[in-house]
């Protein structure tokens, strides 16, 4: 029986990430995390052009260091990293880094050994604020990339405006309707309202928002009875 993977949306904002290895593989993996603005330290004797650029931009700290005793190295890390990425060109060293980091309670990713890693990095379809993770469970990374492109081509500007609209009305609904079931029902009414969809299809967001507010007022008059 194969591995059972759970796709989760993990918040790495402000988390401590340690990368061992300053080459292209470590750089490519780091790009997956940069937008979350974690605190990143990269340990290596040499650094790729990409790593140096990230350092100049203030996104990573480069530490000129060669790991010769893995146990002492992991113990010396302060604060203890939330994630350790083993990205050297030495498979045996990567395996030892992964094993020791796990002992000390760190999440681990080894670039050359998915079986030692605590997670996989799925292909990510990303359009505006819309993100979809696509995984084949490691069976075909190439096919995951193909599917990612297909998903990105399906997302329209109208879809992105609907996400923006839902965000705005959700905050308003929380102040008016304490019942979650009621809020969910109204959100779906807004999502499927023909007039609102028509405005969004034409890119007329403000008019769509005004129509959504009118719809909410209609629900408000039904649910909240005036005091007599």
N, C-alpha and C. Protein backbone atom coordinates (compact mmCIF):
# COMPACT_ATOMS: atom_id res chain seq x y z
N UNK A 1 0.85 -1.20 0.00
CA UNK A 1 0.00 0.00 0.00
C UNK A 1 0.88 1.25 0.00
N UNK A 2 0.57 2.24 -0.84
CA UNK A 2 1.38 3.45 -0.96
C UNK A 2 1.15 4.42 0.18
N UNK A 3 1.94 5.49 0.16
CA UNK A 3 1.81 6.52 1.18
C UNK A 3 0.48 7.25 1.03
N UNK A 4 -0.09 7.64 2.16
CA UNK A 4 -1.27 8.48 2.16
C UNK A 4 -0.84 9.90 2.50
N UNK A 5 -1.04 10.81 1.57
CA UNK A 5 -0.59 12.19 1.76
C UNK A 5 -1.76 13.09 2.09
N UNK A 6 -1.54 14.00 3.03
CA UNK A 6 -2.54 14.99 3.39
C UNK A 6 -2.04 16.35 2.93
N UNK A 7 -2.76 16.98 2.02
CA UNK A 7 -2.38 18.30 1.53
C UNK A 7 -2.90 19.36 2.50
N UNK A 8 -1.99 20.11 3.11
CA UNK A 8 -2.39 21.14 4.06
C UNK A 8 -1.77 22.48 3.65
N UNK A 9 -2.42 23.56 4.07
CA UNK A 9 -1.93 24.90 3.79
C UNK A 9 -1.22 25.40 5.04
N UNK A 10 0.09 25.24 5.10
CA UNK A 10 0.86 25.53 6.31
C UNK A 10 1.35 26.97 6.28
N UNK A 11 1.20 27.66 7.40
CA UNK A 11 1.63 29.06 7.50
C UNK A 11 3.08 29.12 8.00
N UNK A 12 4.01 29.49 7.12
CA UNK A 12 5.41 29.60 7.49
C UNK A 12 5.82 31.04 7.80
N UNK A 13 4.88 31.94 7.87
CA UNK A 13 5.20 33.34 8.16
C UNK A 13 5.90 33.46 9.51
N UNK A 14 7.10 34.05 9.49
CA UNK A 14 7.84 34.24 10.73
C UNK A 14 8.52 33.01 11.28
N UNK A 15 8.35 31.86 10.62
CA UNK A 15 8.98 30.63 11.10
C UNK A 15 10.47 30.62 10.76
N UNK A 16 11.22 29.83 11.51
CA UNK A 16 12.67 29.72 11.30
C UNK A 16 12.98 28.54 10.39
N UNK A 17 13.63 28.82 9.27
CA UNK A 17 14.01 27.79 8.31
C UNK A 17 15.53 27.77 8.17
N UNK A 18 16.10 26.59 8.27
CA UNK A 18 17.54 26.41 8.05
C UNK A 18 17.73 25.56 6.81
N UNK A 19 18.56 26.05 5.90
CA UNK A 19 18.91 25.30 4.69
C UNK A 19 20.39 24.97 4.76
N UNK A 20 20.71 23.71 4.56
CA UNK A 20 22.12 23.31 4.48
C UNK A 20 22.42 22.98 3.03
N UNK A 21 23.24 23.80 2.41
CA UNK A 21 23.52 23.66 0.98
C UNK A 21 23.13 24.93 0.25
N UNK A 22 24.09 25.55 -0.42
CA UNK A 22 23.82 26.83 -1.06
C UNK A 22 23.68 26.76 -2.57
N UNK A 23 23.41 25.55 -3.10
CA UNK A 23 23.33 25.38 -4.54
C UNK A 23 21.96 25.62 -5.13
N UNK A 24 21.81 25.18 -6.38
CA UNK A 24 20.57 25.45 -7.12
C UNK A 24 19.37 24.71 -6.55
N UNK A 25 19.57 23.47 -6.05
CA UNK A 25 18.45 22.71 -5.51
C UNK A 25 17.86 23.39 -4.29
N UNK A 26 18.72 23.81 -3.38
CA UNK A 26 18.24 24.52 -2.20
C UNK A 26 17.55 25.81 -2.57
N UNK A 27 18.11 26.51 -3.57
CA UNK A 27 17.52 27.77 -4.03
C UNK A 27 16.11 27.55 -4.58
N UNK A 28 15.95 26.52 -5.42
CA UNK A 28 14.63 26.25 -6.02
C UNK A 28 13.59 25.94 -4.94
N UNK A 29 14.00 25.18 -3.92
CA UNK A 29 13.06 24.84 -2.86
C UNK A 29 12.72 26.06 -2.01
N UNK A 30 13.72 26.92 -1.77
CA UNK A 30 13.48 28.12 -0.98
C UNK A 30 12.45 29.05 -1.62
N UNK A 31 12.44 29.10 -2.94
CA UNK A 31 11.50 29.97 -3.64
C UNK A 31 10.05 29.64 -3.29
N UNK A 32 9.80 28.40 -2.88
CA UNK A 32 8.45 28.00 -2.49
C UNK A 32 8.01 28.67 -1.19
N UNK A 33 9.00 29.10 -0.39
CA UNK A 33 8.69 29.63 0.95
C UNK A 33 8.85 31.14 1.06
N UNK A 34 9.59 31.75 0.15
CA UNK A 34 9.96 33.16 0.27
C UNK A 34 8.75 34.08 0.47
N UNK A 35 7.67 33.83 -0.26
CA UNK A 35 6.51 34.73 -0.18
C UNK A 35 5.87 34.73 1.21
N UNK A 36 6.12 33.68 2.00
CA UNK A 36 5.56 33.60 3.36
C UNK A 36 6.36 34.44 4.36
N UNK A 37 7.51 34.96 3.94
CA UNK A 37 8.38 35.79 4.77
C UNK A 37 8.84 35.08 6.06
N UNK A 38 9.40 33.89 5.91
CA UNK A 38 9.99 33.23 7.08
C UNK A 38 11.38 33.81 7.36
N UNK A 39 11.99 33.38 8.46
CA UNK A 39 13.37 33.76 8.78
C UNK A 39 14.27 32.62 8.29
N UNK A 40 15.10 32.90 7.30
CA UNK A 40 15.85 31.84 6.62
C UNK A 40 17.35 32.04 6.80
N UNK A 41 18.02 30.96 7.23
CA UNK A 41 19.48 30.93 7.26
C UNK A 41 19.95 29.81 6.34
N UNK A 42 20.95 30.12 5.51
CA UNK A 42 21.51 29.12 4.60
C UNK A 42 22.98 28.89 4.97
N UNK A 43 23.31 27.64 5.27
CA UNK A 43 24.68 27.28 5.66
C UNK A 43 25.37 26.56 4.51
N UNK A 44 26.52 27.09 4.08
CA UNK A 44 27.26 26.45 2.99
C UNK A 44 28.63 27.10 2.86
N UNK A 45 29.53 26.41 2.14
CA UNK A 45 30.83 27.00 1.83
C UNK A 45 30.78 27.83 0.55
N UNK A 46 29.76 27.61 -0.26
CA UNK A 46 29.60 28.40 -1.49
C UNK A 46 28.12 28.57 -1.77
N UNK A 47 27.79 29.63 -2.52
CA UNK A 47 26.38 29.96 -2.74
C UNK A 47 26.13 30.27 -4.22
N UNK A 48 25.00 29.79 -4.71
CA UNK A 48 24.63 30.04 -6.10
C UNK A 48 24.29 31.51 -6.29
N UNK A 49 24.22 31.92 -7.54
CA UNK A 49 23.87 33.31 -7.86
C UNK A 49 22.49 33.65 -7.31
N UNK A 50 21.57 32.69 -7.38
CA UNK A 50 20.22 32.92 -6.87
C UNK A 50 20.21 33.15 -5.37
N UNK A 51 20.99 32.36 -4.63
CA UNK A 51 21.08 32.54 -3.18
C UNK A 51 21.66 33.91 -2.84
N UNK A 52 22.68 34.32 -3.58
CA UNK A 52 23.30 35.62 -3.32
C UNK A 52 22.32 36.76 -3.59
N UNK A 53 21.50 36.58 -4.62
CA UNK A 53 20.50 37.62 -4.93
C UNK A 53 19.49 37.73 -3.80
N UNK A 54 19.02 36.58 -3.29
CA UNK A 54 18.06 36.60 -2.17
C UNK A 54 18.67 37.27 -0.94
N UNK A 55 19.98 37.05 -0.75
CA UNK A 55 20.67 37.69 0.39
C UNK A 55 20.72 39.20 0.21
N UNK A 56 21.03 39.66 -1.00
CA UNK A 56 21.08 41.11 -1.27
C UNK A 56 19.72 41.75 -1.05
N UNK A 57 18.67 40.99 -1.33
CA UNK A 57 17.30 41.50 -1.16
C UNK A 57 16.84 41.42 0.29
N UNK A 58 17.69 40.88 1.17
CA UNK A 58 17.35 40.79 2.59
C UNK A 58 16.38 39.67 2.93
N UNK A 59 16.26 38.69 2.03
CA UNK A 59 15.28 37.62 2.24
C UNK A 59 15.88 36.39 2.92
N UNK A 60 17.21 36.24 2.85
CA UNK A 60 17.87 35.13 3.52
C UNK A 60 19.18 35.62 4.13
N UNK A 61 19.65 34.89 5.13
CA UNK A 61 20.97 35.15 5.71
C UNK A 61 21.90 34.02 5.30
N UNK A 62 23.01 34.36 4.67
CA UNK A 62 23.97 33.36 4.23
C UNK A 62 25.07 33.21 5.28
N UNK A 63 25.34 31.96 5.68
CA UNK A 63 26.36 31.68 6.69
C UNK A 63 27.42 30.77 6.07
N UNK A 64 28.64 31.29 5.98
CA UNK A 64 29.74 30.51 5.41
C UNK A 64 30.19 29.48 6.44
N UNK A 65 29.77 28.23 6.21
CA UNK A 65 29.99 27.20 7.23
C UNK A 65 29.92 25.82 6.59
N UNK A 66 30.81 24.95 7.00
CA UNK A 66 30.79 23.57 6.51
C UNK A 66 30.42 22.64 7.66
N UNK A 67 29.39 21.84 7.46
CA UNK A 67 28.93 20.92 8.51
C UNK A 67 29.83 19.69 8.51
N UNK A 68 30.57 19.51 9.61
CA UNK A 68 31.40 18.30 9.71
C UNK A 68 30.90 17.37 10.81
N UNK A 69 30.18 17.93 11.79
CA UNK A 69 29.57 17.11 12.84
C UNK A 69 28.10 17.47 12.90
N UNK A 70 27.27 16.60 12.33
CA UNK A 70 25.85 16.92 12.17
C UNK A 70 25.16 17.10 13.51
N UNK A 71 25.44 16.22 14.47
CA UNK A 71 24.78 16.29 15.77
C UNK A 71 25.08 17.62 16.46
N UNK A 72 26.34 18.02 16.48
CA UNK A 72 26.71 19.29 17.10
C UNK A 72 26.10 20.47 16.35
N UNK A 73 26.05 20.36 15.03
CA UNK A 73 25.48 21.45 14.23
C UNK A 73 24.01 21.66 14.56
N UNK A 74 23.24 20.58 14.57
CA UNK A 74 21.80 20.69 14.85
C UNK A 74 21.58 21.22 16.27
N UNK A 75 22.36 20.73 17.23
CA UNK A 75 22.23 21.18 18.62
C UNK A 75 22.54 22.67 18.76
N UNK A 76 23.46 23.16 17.93
CA UNK A 76 23.92 24.55 18.06
C UNK A 76 22.94 25.57 17.49
N UNK A 77 21.98 25.11 16.72
CA UNK A 77 21.06 26.05 16.06
C UNK A 77 20.16 26.72 17.10
N UNK A 78 20.19 28.03 17.12
CA UNK A 78 19.41 28.79 18.10
C UNK A 78 18.88 30.06 17.43
N UNK A 79 17.55 30.21 17.35
CA UNK A 79 16.53 29.30 17.89
C UNK A 79 16.44 28.00 17.09
N UNK A 80 15.83 27.01 17.71
CA UNK A 80 15.65 25.74 17.02
C UNK A 80 14.80 25.97 15.77
N UNK A 81 15.25 25.50 14.62
CA UNK A 81 14.47 25.75 13.39
C UNK A 81 13.16 24.97 13.37
N UNK A 82 12.16 25.58 12.76
CA UNK A 82 10.89 24.87 12.54
C UNK A 82 11.05 23.88 11.40
N UNK A 83 11.88 24.25 10.42
CA UNK A 83 12.10 23.41 9.24
C UNK A 83 13.58 23.37 8.90
N UNK A 84 14.08 22.16 8.62
CA UNK A 84 15.45 21.99 8.13
C UNK A 84 15.37 21.41 6.72
N UNK A 85 15.99 22.09 5.77
CA UNK A 85 16.06 21.60 4.39
C UNK A 85 17.48 21.13 4.12
N UNK A 86 17.62 19.83 3.87
CA UNK A 86 18.92 19.25 3.56
C UNK A 86 19.10 19.28 2.05
N UNK A 87 20.00 20.16 1.58
CA UNK A 87 20.10 20.40 0.13
C UNK A 87 21.55 20.41 -0.34
N UNK A 88 22.39 19.57 0.27
CA UNK A 88 23.77 19.49 -0.19
C UNK A 88 23.85 18.54 -1.38
N UNK A 89 25.04 18.44 -1.98
CA UNK A 89 25.23 17.49 -3.09
C UNK A 89 25.77 16.15 -2.58
N UNK A 90 25.64 15.93 -1.25
CA UNK A 90 26.10 14.70 -0.61
C UNK A 90 24.90 13.96 -0.03
N UNK A 91 24.40 12.91 -0.69
CA UNK A 91 23.21 12.19 -0.21
C UNK A 91 23.36 11.65 1.21
N UNK A 92 24.54 11.17 1.56
CA UNK A 92 24.75 10.63 2.91
C UNK A 92 24.62 11.73 3.96
N UNK A 93 25.16 12.91 3.66
CA UNK A 93 25.06 14.04 4.59
C UNK A 93 23.62 14.51 4.71
N UNK A 94 22.91 14.56 3.59
CA UNK A 94 21.50 14.94 3.63
C UNK A 94 20.70 13.99 4.51
N UNK A 95 20.97 12.69 4.37
CA UNK A 95 20.25 11.69 5.16
C UNK A 95 20.54 11.86 6.64
N UNK A 96 21.79 12.13 6.99
CA UNK A 96 22.15 12.31 8.40
C UNK A 96 21.53 13.59 8.96
N UNK A 97 21.54 14.65 8.17
CA UNK A 97 20.91 15.91 8.60
C UNK A 97 19.42 15.71 8.87
N UNK A 98 18.76 14.99 7.97
CA UNK A 98 17.33 14.74 8.12
C UNK A 98 17.05 13.93 9.38
N UNK A 99 17.84 12.89 9.60
CA UNK A 99 17.62 12.02 10.76
C UNK A 99 17.84 12.77 12.08
N UNK A 100 18.93 13.53 12.17
CA UNK A 100 19.23 14.25 13.41
C UNK A 100 18.23 15.37 13.67
N UNK A 101 17.83 16.07 12.61
CA UNK A 101 16.86 17.17 12.78
C UNK A 101 15.53 16.64 13.29
N UNK A 102 15.13 15.46 12.83
CA UNK A 102 13.88 14.86 13.31
C UNK A 102 13.97 14.55 14.80
N UNK A 103 15.12 14.05 15.24
CA UNK A 103 15.32 13.74 16.66
C UNK A 103 15.08 14.97 17.52
N UNK A 104 15.47 16.14 17.01
CA UNK A 104 15.32 17.37 17.77
C UNK A 104 13.99 18.08 17.50
N UNK A 105 13.08 17.38 16.85
CA UNK A 105 11.72 17.90 16.70
C UNK A 105 11.51 18.88 15.56
N UNK A 106 12.41 18.87 14.58
CA UNK A 106 12.25 19.76 13.43
C UNK A 106 11.50 19.05 12.30
N UNK A 107 10.75 19.81 11.53
CA UNK A 107 10.20 19.29 10.28
C UNK A 107 11.35 19.22 9.29
N UNK A 108 11.37 18.19 8.46
CA UNK A 108 12.53 17.93 7.60
C UNK A 108 12.12 17.79 6.14
N UNK A 109 12.96 18.37 5.26
CA UNK A 109 12.81 18.14 3.82
C UNK A 109 14.19 17.86 3.25
N UNK A 110 14.36 16.67 2.65
CA UNK A 110 15.62 16.31 1.99
C UNK A 110 15.39 16.36 0.49
N UNK A 111 16.16 17.18 -0.22
CA UNK A 111 15.88 17.43 -1.63
C UNK A 111 16.05 16.18 -2.50
N UNK A 112 16.87 15.25 -2.05
CA UNK A 112 17.16 14.07 -2.87
C UNK A 112 16.56 12.78 -2.32
N UNK A 113 15.71 12.88 -1.28
CA UNK A 113 15.17 11.67 -0.67
C UNK A 113 13.77 11.92 -0.11
N UNK A 114 12.73 11.73 -0.91
CA UNK A 114 11.36 11.97 -0.44
C UNK A 114 10.96 11.08 0.73
N UNK A 115 11.57 9.90 0.84
CA UNK A 115 11.22 8.99 1.93
C UNK A 115 11.69 9.49 3.29
N UNK A 116 12.72 10.33 3.29
CA UNK A 116 13.20 10.91 4.54
C UNK A 116 12.48 12.22 4.88
N UNK A 117 11.80 12.78 3.90
CA UNK A 117 11.14 14.07 4.08
C UNK A 117 9.80 13.91 4.77
N UNK A 118 9.45 14.92 5.59
CA UNK A 118 8.16 14.89 6.28
C UNK A 118 7.02 15.37 5.39
N UNK A 119 7.34 15.94 4.25
CA UNK A 119 6.31 16.42 3.34
C UNK A 119 6.87 16.47 1.93
N UNK A 120 5.97 16.59 0.97
CA UNK A 120 6.36 16.81 -0.42
C UNK A 120 5.92 18.21 -0.83
N UNK A 121 6.62 18.80 -1.76
CA UNK A 121 6.23 20.11 -2.27
C UNK A 121 5.45 19.90 -3.57
N UNK A 122 4.12 20.06 -3.53
CA UNK A 122 3.31 19.81 -4.72
C UNK A 122 3.48 20.92 -5.75
N UNK A 123 3.08 20.62 -6.98
CA UNK A 123 2.99 21.67 -8.00
C UNK A 123 1.90 22.64 -7.55
N UNK A 124 2.15 23.92 -7.69
CA UNK A 124 1.21 24.91 -7.18
C UNK A 124 0.68 25.77 -8.32
N UNK A 125 -0.63 25.62 -8.58
CA UNK A 125 -1.29 26.50 -9.55
C UNK A 125 -1.62 27.80 -8.82
N UNK A 126 -1.15 28.91 -9.35
CA UNK A 126 -1.29 30.18 -8.64
C UNK A 126 -1.68 31.29 -9.61
N UNK A 127 -2.87 31.85 -9.39
CA UNK A 127 -3.35 32.97 -10.20
C UNK A 127 -3.94 33.99 -9.23
N UNK A 128 -3.29 35.14 -9.08
CA UNK A 128 -3.77 36.13 -8.12
C UNK A 128 -3.76 35.55 -6.72
N UNK A 129 -4.89 35.67 -6.01
CA UNK A 129 -5.01 35.13 -4.66
C UNK A 129 -5.44 33.67 -4.66
N UNK A 130 -5.59 33.10 -5.83
CA UNK A 130 -6.08 31.72 -5.97
C UNK A 130 -4.90 30.76 -6.03
N UNK A 131 -4.91 29.75 -5.16
CA UNK A 131 -3.85 28.74 -5.16
C UNK A 131 -4.46 27.34 -5.07
N UNK A 132 -3.95 26.43 -5.88
CA UNK A 132 -4.36 25.04 -5.81
C UNK A 132 -3.12 24.16 -5.84
N UNK A 133 -2.99 23.30 -4.84
CA UNK A 133 -1.86 22.37 -4.80
C UNK A 133 -2.23 21.11 -5.57
N UNK A 134 -1.31 20.66 -6.42
CA UNK A 134 -1.56 19.48 -7.25
C UNK A 134 -0.47 18.46 -6.98
N UNK A 135 -0.88 17.28 -6.54
CA UNK A 135 0.10 16.24 -6.21
C UNK A 135 -0.31 14.92 -6.85
N UNK A 136 0.67 14.21 -7.38
CA UNK A 136 0.44 12.85 -7.87
C UNK A 136 1.04 11.84 -6.88
N UNK A 137 1.33 12.33 -5.66
CA UNK A 137 1.92 11.45 -4.66
C UNK A 137 3.32 11.00 -5.02
N UNK A 138 4.00 11.82 -5.82
CA UNK A 138 5.36 11.49 -6.23
C UNK A 138 5.44 10.56 -7.43
N UNK A 139 4.27 10.15 -7.95
CA UNK A 139 4.27 9.19 -9.07
C UNK A 139 4.74 9.84 -10.37
N UNK A 140 4.36 11.12 -10.58
CA UNK A 140 4.74 11.77 -11.83
C UNK A 140 4.82 13.29 -11.65
N UNK A 141 5.96 13.81 -11.21
CA UNK A 141 6.13 15.26 -11.10
C UNK A 141 5.87 15.98 -12.42
N UNK A 142 6.23 15.34 -13.54
CA UNK A 142 6.01 15.96 -14.85
C UNK A 142 4.52 16.15 -15.10
N UNK A 143 3.71 15.14 -14.78
CA UNK A 143 2.27 15.24 -14.98
C UNK A 143 1.66 16.27 -14.03
N UNK A 144 2.21 16.38 -12.83
CA UNK A 144 1.71 17.39 -11.89
C UNK A 144 1.90 18.79 -12.47
N UNK A 145 3.03 19.02 -13.16
CA UNK A 145 3.27 20.33 -13.78
C UNK A 145 2.30 20.58 -14.93
N UNK A 146 2.00 19.53 -15.71
CA UNK A 146 1.04 19.66 -16.81
C UNK A 146 -0.34 20.04 -16.26
N UNK A 147 -0.76 19.35 -15.20
CA UNK A 147 -2.07 19.62 -14.60
C UNK A 147 -2.11 21.01 -13.97
N UNK A 148 -0.99 21.44 -13.43
CA UNK A 148 -0.93 22.79 -12.86
C UNK A 148 -1.24 23.84 -13.92
N UNK A 149 -0.64 23.69 -15.10
CA UNK A 149 -0.88 24.64 -16.18
C UNK A 149 -2.34 24.62 -16.63
N UNK A 150 -2.94 23.42 -16.66
CA UNK A 150 -4.35 23.31 -17.05
C UNK A 150 -5.25 24.06 -16.07
N UNK A 151 -4.97 23.89 -14.78
CA UNK A 151 -5.77 24.57 -13.76
C UNK A 151 -5.63 26.08 -13.88
N UNK A 152 -4.40 26.56 -14.09
CA UNK A 152 -4.17 28.00 -14.21
C UNK A 152 -4.91 28.59 -15.40
N UNK A 153 -5.03 27.82 -16.47
CA UNK A 153 -5.74 28.30 -17.66
C UNK A 153 -7.25 28.35 -17.45
N UNK A 154 -7.75 27.59 -16.47
CA UNK A 154 -9.19 27.56 -16.20
C UNK A 154 -9.67 28.78 -15.40
N UNK A 155 -8.77 29.38 -14.64
CA UNK A 155 -9.15 30.47 -13.74
C UNK A 155 -9.30 31.77 -14.52
N UNK A 156 -10.46 32.42 -14.36
CA UNK A 156 -10.75 33.66 -15.07
C UNK A 156 -10.66 34.86 -14.14
N UNK A 157 -10.66 36.04 -14.73
CA UNK A 157 -10.67 37.28 -13.94
C UNK A 157 -11.94 37.36 -13.10
N UNK A 158 -13.05 36.83 -13.64
CA UNK A 158 -14.30 36.81 -12.88
C UNK A 158 -14.15 35.98 -11.61
N UNK A 159 -13.46 34.84 -11.69
CA UNK A 159 -13.24 34.00 -10.51
C UNK A 159 -12.46 34.77 -9.44
N UNK A 160 -11.44 35.50 -9.86
CA UNK A 160 -10.62 36.26 -8.90
C UNK A 160 -11.43 37.38 -8.25
N UNK A 161 -12.30 38.02 -9.03
CA UNK A 161 -13.15 39.07 -8.47
C UNK A 161 -14.17 38.49 -7.50
N UNK A 162 -14.63 37.27 -7.76
CA UNK A 162 -15.56 36.61 -6.84
C UNK A 162 -14.89 36.33 -5.49
N UNK A 163 -13.62 35.93 -5.54
CA UNK A 163 -12.88 35.71 -4.29
C UNK A 163 -12.77 37.02 -3.51
N UNK A 164 -12.44 38.10 -4.21
CA UNK A 164 -12.32 39.41 -3.57
C UNK A 164 -13.65 39.85 -2.97
N UNK A 165 -14.73 39.63 -3.71
CA UNK A 165 -16.06 40.01 -3.24
C UNK A 165 -16.45 39.21 -2.00
N UNK A 166 -16.19 37.91 -2.03
CA UNK A 166 -16.52 37.06 -0.88
C UNK A 166 -15.78 37.51 0.37
N UNK A 167 -14.52 37.91 0.21
CA UNK A 167 -13.74 38.38 1.35
C UNK A 167 -14.39 39.60 1.99
N UNK A 168 -14.81 40.55 1.15
CA UNK A 168 -15.39 41.78 1.68
C UNK A 168 -16.73 41.54 2.36
N UNK A 169 -17.59 40.73 1.75
CA UNK A 169 -18.91 40.54 2.34
C UNK A 169 -18.86 39.62 3.57
N UNK A 170 -17.90 38.71 3.63
CA UNK A 170 -17.77 37.84 4.80
C UNK A 170 -17.55 38.66 6.07
N UNK A 171 -16.68 39.67 5.98
CA UNK A 171 -16.40 40.50 7.15
C UNK A 171 -17.65 41.25 7.59
N UNK A 172 -18.43 41.72 6.63
CA UNK A 172 -19.66 42.43 6.96
C UNK A 172 -20.68 41.48 7.60
N UNK A 173 -20.80 40.28 7.04
CA UNK A 173 -21.77 39.31 7.54
C UNK A 173 -21.49 38.90 8.98
N UNK A 174 -20.21 38.79 9.34
CA UNK A 174 -19.85 38.39 10.70
C UNK A 174 -20.36 39.38 11.74
N UNK A 175 -20.47 40.65 11.34
CA UNK A 175 -20.94 41.68 12.26
C UNK A 175 -22.47 41.69 12.39
N UNK A 176 -23.15 41.13 11.39
CA UNK A 176 -24.61 41.21 11.36
C UNK A 176 -25.28 39.91 11.80
N UNK A 177 -24.75 38.78 11.31
CA UNK A 177 -25.39 37.49 11.54
C UNK A 177 -24.49 36.59 12.39
N UNK A 178 -24.86 36.33 13.64
CA UNK A 178 -24.03 35.48 14.50
C UNK A 178 -24.05 34.00 14.09
N UNK A 179 -25.11 33.60 13.38
CA UNK A 179 -25.26 32.19 13.02
C UNK A 179 -24.46 31.86 11.75
N UNK A 180 -23.54 30.91 11.86
CA UNK A 180 -22.68 30.56 10.73
C UNK A 180 -23.47 29.98 9.57
N UNK A 181 -24.50 29.21 9.88
CA UNK A 181 -25.31 28.59 8.82
C UNK A 181 -25.99 29.67 7.97
N UNK A 182 -26.47 30.71 8.62
CA UNK A 182 -27.11 31.82 7.90
C UNK A 182 -26.09 32.53 7.02
N UNK A 183 -24.91 32.79 7.57
CA UNK A 183 -23.86 33.47 6.78
C UNK A 183 -23.48 32.65 5.56
N UNK A 184 -23.34 31.34 5.74
CA UNK A 184 -22.95 30.47 4.62
C UNK A 184 -24.02 30.49 3.53
N UNK A 185 -25.28 30.47 3.93
CA UNK A 185 -26.38 30.50 2.96
C UNK A 185 -26.36 31.79 2.15
N UNK A 186 -26.11 32.91 2.81
CA UNK A 186 -26.07 34.20 2.12
C UNK A 186 -24.88 34.27 1.17
N UNK A 187 -23.74 33.76 1.61
CA UNK A 187 -22.54 33.76 0.76
C UNK A 187 -22.77 32.97 -0.53
N UNK A 188 -23.47 31.84 -0.41
CA UNK A 188 -23.77 31.05 -1.61
C UNK A 188 -24.79 31.76 -2.50
N UNK A 189 -25.74 32.47 -1.89
CA UNK A 189 -26.69 33.26 -2.69
C UNK A 189 -25.95 34.32 -3.50
N UNK A 190 -24.99 34.98 -2.87
CA UNK A 190 -24.19 36.00 -3.56
C UNK A 190 -23.36 35.37 -4.67
N UNK A 191 -22.78 34.21 -4.37
CA UNK A 191 -21.92 33.52 -5.33
C UNK A 191 -22.67 33.15 -6.60
N UNK A 192 -23.95 32.79 -6.45
CA UNK A 192 -24.73 32.29 -7.60
C UNK A 192 -25.73 33.32 -8.14
N UNK A 193 -25.69 34.54 -7.63
CA UNK A 193 -26.61 35.57 -8.10
C UNK A 193 -26.23 36.01 -9.52
N UNK A 194 -27.19 35.94 -10.43
CA UNK A 194 -26.93 36.25 -11.83
C UNK A 194 -26.52 37.68 -12.07
N UNK A 195 -27.16 38.62 -11.38
CA UNK A 195 -26.85 40.03 -11.58
C UNK A 195 -25.44 40.35 -11.10
N UNK A 196 -25.08 39.81 -9.93
CA UNK A 196 -23.73 40.03 -9.39
C UNK A 196 -22.69 39.42 -10.32
N UNK A 197 -22.95 38.21 -10.79
CA UNK A 197 -22.02 37.54 -11.70
C UNK A 197 -21.85 38.33 -12.99
N UNK A 198 -22.96 38.93 -13.46
CA UNK A 198 -22.90 39.74 -14.67
C UNK A 198 -21.99 40.94 -14.52
N UNK A 199 -22.11 41.63 -13.38
CA UNK A 199 -21.24 42.77 -13.12
C UNK A 199 -19.77 42.34 -13.08
N UNK A 200 -19.51 41.22 -12.39
CA UNK A 200 -18.12 40.76 -12.25
C UNK A 200 -17.55 40.32 -13.59
N UNK A 201 -18.39 39.73 -14.43
CA UNK A 201 -17.93 39.29 -15.75
C UNK A 201 -17.46 40.49 -16.58
N UNK A 202 -18.10 41.65 -16.33
CA UNK A 202 -17.71 42.88 -17.04
C UNK A 202 -16.64 43.67 -16.29
N UNK A 203 -16.18 43.13 -15.16
CA UNK A 203 -15.15 43.81 -14.39
C UNK A 203 -15.65 44.97 -13.56
N UNK A 204 -16.97 45.05 -13.35
CA UNK A 204 -17.56 46.17 -12.60
C UNK A 204 -17.73 45.76 -11.14
N UNK A 205 -16.62 45.76 -10.42
CA UNK A 205 -16.60 45.23 -9.06
C UNK A 205 -17.45 46.06 -8.10
N UNK A 206 -17.35 47.38 -8.15
CA UNK A 206 -18.09 48.23 -7.21
C UNK A 206 -19.60 48.02 -7.34
N UNK A 207 -20.08 47.85 -8.57
CA UNK A 207 -21.51 47.61 -8.76
C UNK A 207 -21.91 46.23 -8.24
N UNK A 208 -21.03 45.26 -8.42
CA UNK A 208 -21.29 43.92 -7.89
C UNK A 208 -21.35 43.95 -6.36
N UNK A 209 -20.44 44.72 -5.76
CA UNK A 209 -20.41 44.83 -4.30
C UNK A 209 -21.67 45.51 -3.78
N UNK A 210 -22.10 46.57 -4.46
CA UNK A 210 -23.32 47.27 -4.06
C UNK A 210 -24.53 46.34 -4.15
N UNK A 211 -24.58 45.52 -5.20
CA UNK A 211 -25.68 44.57 -5.35
C UNK A 211 -25.64 43.51 -4.24
N UNK A 212 -24.44 43.09 -3.87
CA UNK A 212 -24.30 42.12 -2.78
C UNK A 212 -24.79 42.73 -1.47
N UNK A 213 -24.49 44.00 -1.23
CA UNK A 213 -24.96 44.67 -0.02
C UNK A 213 -26.49 44.75 0.01
N UNK A 214 -27.09 45.00 -1.17
CA UNK A 214 -28.56 45.04 -1.23
C UNK A 214 -29.15 43.66 -0.91
N UNK A 215 -28.50 42.63 -1.41
CA UNK A 215 -28.96 41.27 -1.13
C UNK A 215 -28.86 40.98 0.37
N UNK A 216 -27.77 41.42 0.99
CA UNK A 216 -27.59 41.21 2.43
C UNK A 216 -28.66 41.96 3.22
N UNK A 217 -28.96 43.19 2.81
CA UNK A 217 -30.00 43.96 3.50
C UNK A 217 -31.34 43.24 3.43
N UNK A 218 -31.61 42.59 2.28
CA UNK A 218 -32.85 41.82 2.16
C UNK A 218 -32.90 40.68 3.15
N UNK A 219 -31.80 39.98 3.30
CA UNK A 219 -31.73 38.89 4.28
C UNK A 219 -31.84 39.43 5.71
N UNK A 220 -31.24 40.59 5.93
CA UNK A 220 -31.24 41.20 7.26
C UNK A 220 -32.66 41.51 7.72
N UNK A 221 -33.47 42.03 6.79
CA UNK A 221 -34.84 42.39 7.14
C UNK A 221 -35.69 41.15 7.45
N UNK A 222 -35.30 40.01 6.86
CA UNK A 222 -36.05 38.77 7.11
C UNK A 222 -35.65 38.12 8.43
N UNK A 223 -34.35 38.18 8.74
CA UNK A 223 -33.83 37.47 9.91
C UNK A 223 -33.94 38.28 11.18
N UNK A 224 -33.61 39.59 11.07
CA UNK A 224 -33.61 40.44 12.26
C UNK A 224 -34.92 41.22 12.30
N UNK A 225 -35.81 40.83 13.19
CA UNK A 225 -37.11 41.47 13.31
C UNK A 225 -36.98 42.74 14.15
N UNK A 226 -37.64 43.84 13.74
CA UNK A 226 -37.57 45.07 14.53
C UNK A 226 -38.30 44.91 15.86
N UNK A 227 -37.79 45.58 16.91
CA UNK A 227 -38.46 45.54 18.21
C UNK A 227 -39.74 46.35 18.16
N UNK A 228 -40.77 45.81 18.75
CA UNK A 228 -42.06 46.51 18.77
C UNK A 228 -42.28 47.15 20.14
